[in-house]
């Protein structure tokens, strides 16, 4: 399992409010038509459409050729377990946290 954060994708709200942290669950492949592997993406966004767009942009920038996104949801608090806990913290800081399972 690999966890990677991209800095500077989205910053926290300027008015001091806590951003909404989305988790997007799906599958990705580094090669078109290749074997799909599970992926979790944690991202701060104002709405689910923006979260999906930023997720796909981040996956593309990380070299994934295909993505099939299955579920999206809001996280209400920081997860207890790693790597999701540190990914949540990264998302709170404006990063797109990609957790790719090998």
Protein backbone atom coordinates (compact mmCIF):
# COMPACT_ATOMS: atom_id res chain seq x y z
CA UNK A 1 0.00 0.00 0.00
CA UNK A 2 1.35 3.41 -0.95
CA UNK A 3 0.19 6.74 0.40
CA UNK A 4 1.10 9.97 -1.33
CA UNK A 5 0.06 13.57 -0.83
CA UNK A 6 0.21 16.41 -3.35
CA UNK A 7 0.73 19.83 -1.80
CA UNK A 8 -1.12 22.94 -2.79
CA UNK A 9 -4.14 21.52 -4.61
CA UNK A 10 -6.69 23.21 -2.35
CA UNK A 11 -6.26 25.45 0.66
CA UNK A 12 -8.41 25.65 3.77
CA UNK A 13 -11.27 28.10 3.76
CA UNK A 14 -10.12 31.66 4.34
CA UNK A 15 -12.92 32.31 6.82
CA UNK A 16 -11.50 29.71 9.23
CA UNK A 17 -14.21 27.08 8.73
CA UNK A 18 -13.20 23.44 8.67
CA UNK A 19 -13.17 22.13 5.09
CA UNK A 20 -15.31 19.18 4.03
CA UNK A 21 -13.11 16.10 3.66
CA UNK A 22 -14.31 13.61 1.07
CA UNK A 23 -13.17 10.02 0.66
CA UNK A 24 -13.42 8.60 -2.83
CA UNK A 25 -13.08 4.84 -3.28
CA UNK A 26 -12.40 3.22 -6.61
CA UNK A 27 -9.96 1.32 -8.74
CA UNK A 28 -7.11 2.51 -10.93
CA UNK A 29 -4.69 1.21 -13.49
CA UNK A 30 -1.38 2.69 -14.57
CA UNK A 31 -1.88 1.28 -18.09
CA UNK A 32 -4.94 1.56 -20.31
CA UNK A 33 -6.69 -1.81 -20.14
CA UNK A 34 -4.36 -2.94 -17.32
CA UNK A 35 -5.20 -4.66 -14.07
CA UNK A 36 -7.28 -2.44 -11.81
CA UNK A 37 -6.11 -1.94 -8.21
CA UNK A 38 -8.02 -0.43 -5.27
CA UNK A 39 -7.47 3.22 -4.41
CA UNK A 40 -8.75 5.59 -1.71
CA UNK A 41 -8.46 9.35 -2.18
CA UNK A 42 -9.00 11.87 0.62
CA UNK A 43 -9.57 15.44 -0.48
CA UNK A 44 -10.91 18.75 0.81
CA UNK A 45 -13.52 20.24 -1.51
CA UNK A 46 -16.62 22.42 -1.32
CA UNK A 47 -18.82 19.78 -3.01
CA UNK A 48 -18.72 16.27 -4.44
CA UNK A 49 -18.43 17.38 -8.09
CA UNK A 50 -15.31 19.40 -7.30
CA UNK A 51 -13.92 16.52 -5.23
CA UNK A 52 -14.31 14.09 -8.14
CA UNK A 53 -12.70 16.51 -10.61
CA UNK A 54 -9.73 17.18 -8.29
CA UNK A 55 -9.41 13.44 -7.61
CA UNK A 56 -9.23 12.58 -11.31
CA UNK A 57 -6.70 15.38 -11.92
CA UNK A 58 -4.50 14.11 -9.07
CA UNK A 59 -4.67 10.49 -10.25
CA UNK A 60 -3.72 11.55 -13.77
CA UNK A 61 -0.80 13.60 -12.43
CA UNK A 62 0.36 10.52 -10.49
CA UNK A 63 0.55 8.47 -13.70
CA UNK A 64 -2.71 6.54 -13.52
CA UNK A 65 -4.13 5.96 -17.01
CA UNK A 66 -7.61 4.78 -15.93
CA UNK A 67 -9.84 5.28 -12.93
CA UNK A 68 -13.20 3.77 -12.01
CA UNK A 69 -14.63 5.67 -9.04
CA UNK A 70 -17.20 3.65 -7.11
CA UNK A 71 -18.14 5.61 -3.97
CA UNK A 72 -17.84 9.08 -2.49
CA UNK A 73 -18.60 10.14 1.05
CA UNK A 74 -17.83 12.74 3.70
CA UNK A 75 -15.60 11.95 6.66
CA UNK A 76 -16.95 13.45 9.87
CA UNK A 77 -13.77 12.99 11.89
CA UNK A 78 -10.18 11.84 11.63
CA UNK A 79 -9.89 8.06 11.09
CA UNK A 80 -8.17 6.06 13.83
CA UNK A 81 -6.10 3.80 11.58
CA UNK A 82 -3.16 4.53 9.28
CA UNK A 83 -2.70 5.30 6.43
CA UNK A 84 -6.09 7.04 6.49
CA UNK A 85 -5.31 9.12 9.60
CA UNK A 86 -2.28 10.82 8.03
CA UNK A 87 -4.10 11.11 4.70
CA UNK A 88 -6.95 12.90 6.50
CA UNK A 89 -4.47 15.31 8.08
CA UNK A 90 -2.94 15.97 4.66
CA UNK A 91 -6.38 16.64 3.19
CA UNK A 92 -7.09 19.08 6.04
CA UNK A 93 -3.93 20.93 4.99
CA UNK A 94 -5.11 21.15 1.36
CA UNK A 95 -3.37 18.12 -0.10
CA UNK A 96 -4.88 15.40 -2.25
CA UNK A 97 -4.03 12.18 -0.44
CA UNK A 98 -3.90 9.11 -2.69
CA UNK A 99 -3.74 5.70 -1.00
CA UNK A 100 -2.99 3.07 -3.64
CA UNK A 101 -3.21 -0.59 -2.64
CA UNK A 102 -0.74 -2.94 -4.34
